[in-house]
Amino acid sequence: VTSEKVKELIDRLGALRGIFDIDSKRTEITNLEEKTIDPNFWDDAQKAELLIREIRSLKKWVEGYEVLRTKKED
């Protein structure tokens, strides 16, 4: 892989971070996870499950980005 190709991939990774709004997703994950520590969280099991699914979905986006970022660093 040439240095030009590496630079291109780094630039694309930076663009993906913005397009997928990774920083915002991380913040949202933190905020949603705080709700799960409420002692009454499971009182409405259906609502709780929806929130857990939303957290998982957001984490998939962030984890996917992190895999690419790690590969770039390697």
C-alpha atoms as a PDB file:
ATOM      1  CA  VAL A   1       0.000   0.000   0.000  1.00  0.00           C
ATOM      2  CA  THR A   2       1.420   3.351  -1.008  1.00  0.00           C
ATOM      3  CA  SER A   3       1.621   6.362   1.286  1.00  0.00           C
ATOM      4  CA  GLU A   4      -0.908   8.138  -0.948  1.00  0.00           C
ATOM      5  CA  LYS A   5      -3.367   5.295  -0.461  1.00  0.00           C
ATOM      6  CA  VAL A   6      -2.835   5.375   3.306  1.00  0.00           C
ATOM      7  CA  LYS A   7      -3.469   9.136   3.376  1.00  0.00           C
ATOM      8  CA  GLU A   8      -6.625   8.636   1.316  1.00  0.00           C
ATOM      9  CA  LEU A   9      -7.880   5.997   3.741  1.00  0.00           C
ATOM     10  CA  ILE A  10      -7.139   8.232   6.736  1.00  0.00           C
ATOM     11  CA  ASP A  11      -9.066  11.076   5.105  1.00  0.00           C
ATOM     12  CA  ARG A  12     -11.993   8.762   4.397  1.00  0.00           C
ATOM     13  CA  LEU A  13     -12.016   7.543   7.993  1.00  0.00           C
ATOM     14  CA  GLY A  14     -12.181  11.151   9.196  1.00  0.00           C
ATOM     15  CA  ALA A  15     -15.090  11.780   6.869  1.00  0.00           C
ATOM     16  CA  LEU A  16     -16.900   8.681   8.151  1.00  0.00           C
ATOM     17  CA  ARG A  17     -16.530   9.927  11.714  1.00  0.00           C
ATOM     18  CA  GLY A  18     -18.405  13.075  10.740  1.00  0.00           C
ATOM     19  CA  ILE A  19     -20.965  11.438   8.482  1.00  0.00           C
ATOM     20  CA  PHE A  20     -21.914   8.840  11.066  1.00  0.00           C
ATOM     21  CA  ASP A  21     -21.685  11.419  13.865  1.00  0.00           C
ATOM     22  CA  ILE A  22     -19.676   9.072  16.066  1.00  0.00           C
ATOM     23  CA  ASP A  23     -19.065  11.615  18.829  1.00  0.00           C
ATOM     24  CA  SER A  24     -22.763  12.305  19.134  1.00  0.00           C
ATOM     25  CA  LYS A  25     -23.521   8.582  19.216  1.00  0.00           C
ATOM     26  CA  ARG A  26     -21.023   8.094  22.057  1.00  0.00           C
ATOM     27  CA  THR A  27     -22.703  10.861  24.048  1.00  0.00           C
ATOM     28  CA  GLU A  28     -26.133   9.404  23.383  1.00  0.00           C
ATOM     29  CA  ILE A  29     -24.977   5.944  24.495  1.00  0.00           C
ATOM     30  CA  THR A  30     -23.725   7.398  27.774  1.00  0.00           C
ATOM     31  CA  ASN A  31     -26.979   9.263  28.361  1.00  0.00           C
ATOM     32  CA  LEU A  32     -29.119   6.231  27.591  1.00  0.00           C
ATOM     33  CA  GLU A  33     -26.998   3.912  29.736  1.00  0.00           C
ATOM     34  CA  GLU A  34     -27.514   6.274  32.672  1.00  0.00           C
ATOM     35  CA  LYS A  35     -31.246   5.609  32.383  1.00  0.00           C
ATOM     36  CA  THR A  36     -30.663   1.873  32.779  1.00  0.00           C
ATOM     37  CA  ILE A  37     -29.293   2.273  36.310  1.00  0.00           C
ATOM     38  CA  ASP A  38     -32.578   3.729  37.542  1.00  0.00           C
ATOM     39  CA  PRO A  39     -34.065   1.266  40.061  1.00  0.00           C
ATOM     40  CA  ASN A  40     -37.403   1.522  38.237  1.00  0.00           C
ATOM     41  CA  PHE A  41     -35.904   0.885  34.809  1.00  0.00           C
ATOM     42  CA  TRP A  42     -37.481  -2.562  34.370  1.00  0.00           C
ATOM     43  CA  ASP A  43     -40.905  -1.525  35.652  1.00  0.00           C
ATOM     44  CA  ASP A  44     -41.962  -1.142  32.034  1.00  0.00           C
ATOM     45  CA  ALA A  45     -40.207  -4.131  30.449  1.00  0.00           C
ATOM     46  CA  GLN A  46     -41.285  -3.279  26.905  1.00  0.00           C
ATOM     47  CA  LYS A  47     -39.960   0.269  27.145  1.00  0.00           C
ATOM     48  CA  ALA A  48     -36.751  -0.982  28.786  1.00  0.00           C
ATOM     49  CA  GLU A  49     -36.169  -3.507  26.014  1.00  0.00           C
ATOM     50  CA  LEU A  50     -36.594  -0.799  23.364  1.00  0.00           C
ATOM     51  CA  LEU A  51     -34.016   1.331  25.125  1.00  0.00           C
ATOM     52  CA  ILE A  52     -31.583  -1.599  25.348  1.00  0.00           C
ATOM     53  CA  ARG A  53     -32.017  -2.243  21.618  1.00  0.00           C
ATOM     54  CA  GLU A  54     -31.353   1.409  20.851  1.00  0.00           C
ATOM     55  CA  ILE A  55     -28.157   1.317  22.909  1.00  0.00           C
ATOM     56  CA  ARG A  56     -27.011  -1.848  21.113  1.00  0.00           C
ATOM     57  CA  SER A  57     -27.683  -0.279  17.734  1.00  0.00           C
ATOM     58  CA  LEU A  58     -25.702   2.837  18.574  1.00  0.00           C
ATOM     59  CA  LYS A  59     -22.850   0.729  19.935  1.00  0.00           C
ATOM     60  CA  LYS A  60     -22.676  -1.235  16.666  1.00  0.00           C
ATOM     61  CA  TRP A  61     -22.059   1.997  14.767  1.00  0.00           C
ATOM     62  CA  VAL A  62     -19.369   3.137  17.187  1.00  0.00           C
ATOM     63  CA  GLU A  63     -17.710  -0.273  17.388  1.00  0.00           C
ATOM     64  CA  GLY A  64     -17.642  -0.544  13.598  1.00  0.00           C
ATOM     65  CA  TYR A  65     -15.925   2.812  13.382  1.00  0.00           C
ATOM     66  CA  GLU A  66     -13.462   1.801  16.118  1.00  0.00           C
ATOM     67  CA  VAL A  67     -12.522  -1.361  14.205  1.00  0.00           C
ATOM     68  CA  LEU A  68     -11.673   0.740  11.164  1.00  0.00           C
ATOM     69  CA  ARG A  69      -9.762   3.266  13.259  1.00  0.00           C
ATOM     70  CA  THR A  70      -7.729   0.496  14.898  1.00  0.00           C
ATOM     71  CA  LYS A  71      -6.904  -1.052  11.530  1.00  0.00           C
ATOM     72  CA  LYS A  72      -5.778   2.345  10.285  1.00  0.00           C
ATOM     73  CA  GLU A  73      -3.396   2.655  13.234  1.00  0.00           C
ATOM     74  CA  ASP A  74      -1.985  -0.822  12.586  1.00  0.00           C
END
